[in-house]
Amino acid sequence: MIKKIERSTIELADKLAKLEKILFETAWDSVVINNKINNGEFVYWVFEQDNQIVGYLAIQKTFFDIHILGIGVLESHRNNSIAKKLTQELISYFEVSDFNKILLEVRQSNDIAMSLYKSFGFKQYGIRKNYYVNEDANLFHLEKIYA
């Protein structure tokens, strides 16, 4: 089940920070997560199974764009289309929003993530050298098409 998180508690922010740490070995501080969700800068979508958060997608809202901060699914729950479902929630949110573009960075070695983004119409527009400690990032965006 997917839940959109626009209000947080420090306990929830702790869970989100711990999940990020497990998935990526780095994480926003839980106080930062809590504050940024509650001030409207961050939005999280979480995928829960058996009352446990097993996946998430986080964004940062700017004036005109959405920046994906992270998408991750616990290894034990991968290959169940959870990342795809979370991305679809974001796309639905984006389509009815006033935002013009979604931006993201992805490790050049992460072919699975790049395939997911491309399946939703994201286009690669550049490379950011040394974005990760030991790897470059491919830059992707998805823009609204106005008639």
Protein backbone atom coordinates (compact mmCIF):
# COMPACT_ATOMS: atom_id res chain seq x y z
CA MET A 1 0.00 0.00 0.00
CA ILE A 2 1.33 3.44 -0.95
CA LYS A 3 0.97 6.40 1.38
CA LYS A 4 1.82 10.00 0.54
CA ILE A 5 3.65 11.71 3.41
CA GLU A 6 3.12 15.47 3.62
CA ARG A 7 3.10 15.70 7.43
CA SER A 8 5.67 13.99 9.61
CA THR A 9 6.62 13.16 13.15
CA ILE A 10 10.17 12.67 14.35
CA GLU A 11 9.41 8.94 14.73
CA LEU A 12 8.38 8.68 11.08
CA ALA A 13 11.38 10.75 10.00
CA ASP A 14 13.62 8.35 11.96
CA LYS A 15 12.14 5.41 10.03
CA LEU A 16 12.68 7.20 6.71
CA ALA A 17 16.29 8.09 7.58
CA LYS A 18 17.02 4.51 8.67
CA LEU A 19 15.55 3.14 5.43
CA GLU A 20 17.67 5.55 3.35
CA LYS A 21 20.76 4.53 5.32
CA ILE A 22 20.08 0.83 4.68
CA LEU A 23 19.48 1.39 0.97
CA PHE A 24 22.15 3.94 0.14
CA GLU A 25 24.56 4.05 3.11
CA THR A 26 23.82 7.77 3.39
CA ALA A 27 20.73 9.57 4.59
CA TRP A 28 19.31 12.93 5.44
CA ASP A 29 19.27 13.57 9.17
CA SER A 30 15.84 12.69 10.61
CA VAL A 31 15.39 16.21 12.01
CA VAL A 32 16.00 17.65 8.52
CA ILE A 33 13.56 15.15 6.97
CA ASN A 34 10.92 15.98 9.56
CA ASN A 35 11.31 19.75 9.14
CA LYS A 36 11.40 19.69 5.34
CA ILE A 37 8.32 17.47 5.07
CA ASN A 38 6.42 19.67 7.52
CA ASN A 39 7.43 22.93 5.79
CA GLY A 40 6.28 21.53 2.43
CA GLU A 41 9.69 21.30 0.76
CA PHE A 42 9.89 17.48 0.76
CA VAL A 43 7.19 14.94 -0.09
CA TYR A 44 7.64 11.22 0.45
CA TRP A 45 5.63 8.32 -0.89
CA VAL A 46 6.15 5.12 1.07
CA PHE A 47 5.23 1.56 0.19
CA GLU A 48 4.14 -0.37 3.25
CA GLN A 49 3.80 -4.11 3.62
CA ASP A 50 2.90 -5.79 6.91
CA ASN A 51 3.11 -2.39 8.68
CA GLN A 52 6.72 -1.93 7.55
CA ILE A 53 8.02 0.64 5.08
CA VAL A 54 9.75 -1.43 2.40
CA GLY A 55 10.18 1.25 -0.26
CA TYR A 56 10.03 4.99 -0.76
CA LEU A 57 10.27 7.82 -3.23
CA ALA A 58 11.23 11.28 -2.00
CA ILE A 59 11.10 14.61 -3.81
CA GLN A 60 12.15 18.17 -3.16
CA LYS A 61 9.90 20.88 -4.55
CA THR A 62 11.45 24.03 -5.99
CA PHE A 63 9.73 27.00 -7.61
CA PHE A 64 9.06 25.33 -10.97
CA ASP A 65 10.54 21.84 -10.74
CA ILE A 66 10.50 18.64 -8.75
CA HIS A 67 13.81 16.99 -7.89
CA ILE A 68 13.78 13.29 -7.05
CA LEU A 69 15.91 12.85 -3.95
CA GLY A 70 15.72 9.09 -3.90
CA ILE A 71 13.83 5.97 -4.82
CA GLY A 72 14.60 2.76 -3.02
CA VAL A 73 13.18 -0.64 -2.16
CA LEU A 74 14.52 -3.08 0.40
CA GLU A 75 16.39 -5.89 -1.32
CA SER A 76 13.97 -8.51 0.05
CA HIS A 77 11.07 -6.73 -1.71
CA ARG A 78 12.65 -5.97 -5.08
CA ASN A 79 11.28 -7.29 -8.40
CA ASN A 80 7.71 -6.67 -7.24
CA SER A 81 7.17 -3.44 -9.23
CA ILE A 82 7.27 -1.32 -6.07
CA ALA A 83 9.61 1.31 -7.58
CA LYS A 84 7.38 1.42 -10.66
CA LYS A 85 4.26 1.94 -8.54
CA LEU A 86 5.95 4.69 -6.52
CA THR A 87 7.11 6.40 -9.72
CA GLN A 88 3.58 6.23 -11.11
CA GLU A 89 2.34 8.00 -7.96
CA LEU A 90 4.88 10.76 -8.57
CA ILE A 91 3.91 11.07 -12.24
CA SER A 92 0.22 11.35 -11.29
CA TYR A 93 1.11 14.07 -8.77
CA PHE A 94 3.26 15.86 -11.37
CA GLU A 95 0.59 15.78 -14.08
CA VAL A 96 -1.92 17.77 -12.00
CA SER A 97 0.67 20.06 -10.38
CA ASP A 98 1.98 23.46 -11.43
CA PHE A 99 5.53 22.06 -11.75
CA ASN A 100 7.14 22.07 -15.21
CA LYS A 101 9.79 19.39 -14.88
CA ILE A 102 11.05 16.46 -12.83
CA LEU A 103 14.83 16.19 -12.44
CA LEU A 104 17.00 13.36 -11.11
CA GLU A 105 20.49 11.94 -10.99
CA VAL A 106 21.26 8.23 -11.28
CA ARG A 107 24.48 6.26 -11.04
CA GLN A 108 25.82 5.40 -14.49
CA SER A 109 25.98 1.75 -13.42
CA ASN A 110 22.31 1.60 -12.38
CA ASP A 111 20.80 0.21 -15.58
CA ILE A 112 17.64 -0.98 -13.81
CA ALA A 113 16.81 2.52 -12.55
CA MET A 114 17.57 4.10 -15.92
CA SER A 115 15.26 1.61 -17.64
CA LEU A 116 12.51 2.51 -15.18
CA TYR A 117 12.91 6.25 -15.80
CA LYS A 118 13.00 5.80 -19.57
CA SER A 119 9.81 3.73 -19.41
CA PHE A 120 8.08 6.82 -17.96
CA GLY A 121 9.46 9.10 -20.68
CA PHE A 122 12.44 10.59 -18.83
CA LYS A 123 15.23 11.74 -21.14
CA GLN A 124 18.92 11.89 -20.36
CA TYR A 125 20.29 15.40 -20.80
CA GLY A 126 23.78 15.26 -19.33
CA ILE A 127 26.38 13.78 -17.02
CA ARG A 128 27.59 15.12 -13.69
CA LYS A 129 31.19 14.05 -13.12
CA ASN A 130 32.05 12.58 -9.72
CA TYR A 131 28.55 13.20 -8.37
CA TYR A 132 28.85 10.05 -6.29
CA VAL A 133 31.99 9.26 -4.33
CA ASN A 134 33.25 6.84 -6.96
CA GLU A 135 30.98 7.32 -9.94
CA ASP A 136 29.49 9.83 -12.36
CA ALA A 137 25.75 10.47 -12.53
CA ASN A 138 23.52 10.51 -15.56
CA LEU A 139 21.08 13.43 -15.45
CA PHE A 140 17.48 12.83 -16.48
CA HIS A 141 14.42 15.02 -16.78
CA LEU A 142 10.76 14.73 -17.64
CA GLU A 143 9.07 17.86 -18.92
CA LYS A 144 5.41 18.66 -19.26
CA ILE A 145 4.18 19.02 -22.79
CA TYR A 146 1.90 21.99 -23.23
CA ALA A 147 -0.47 22.20 -26.18
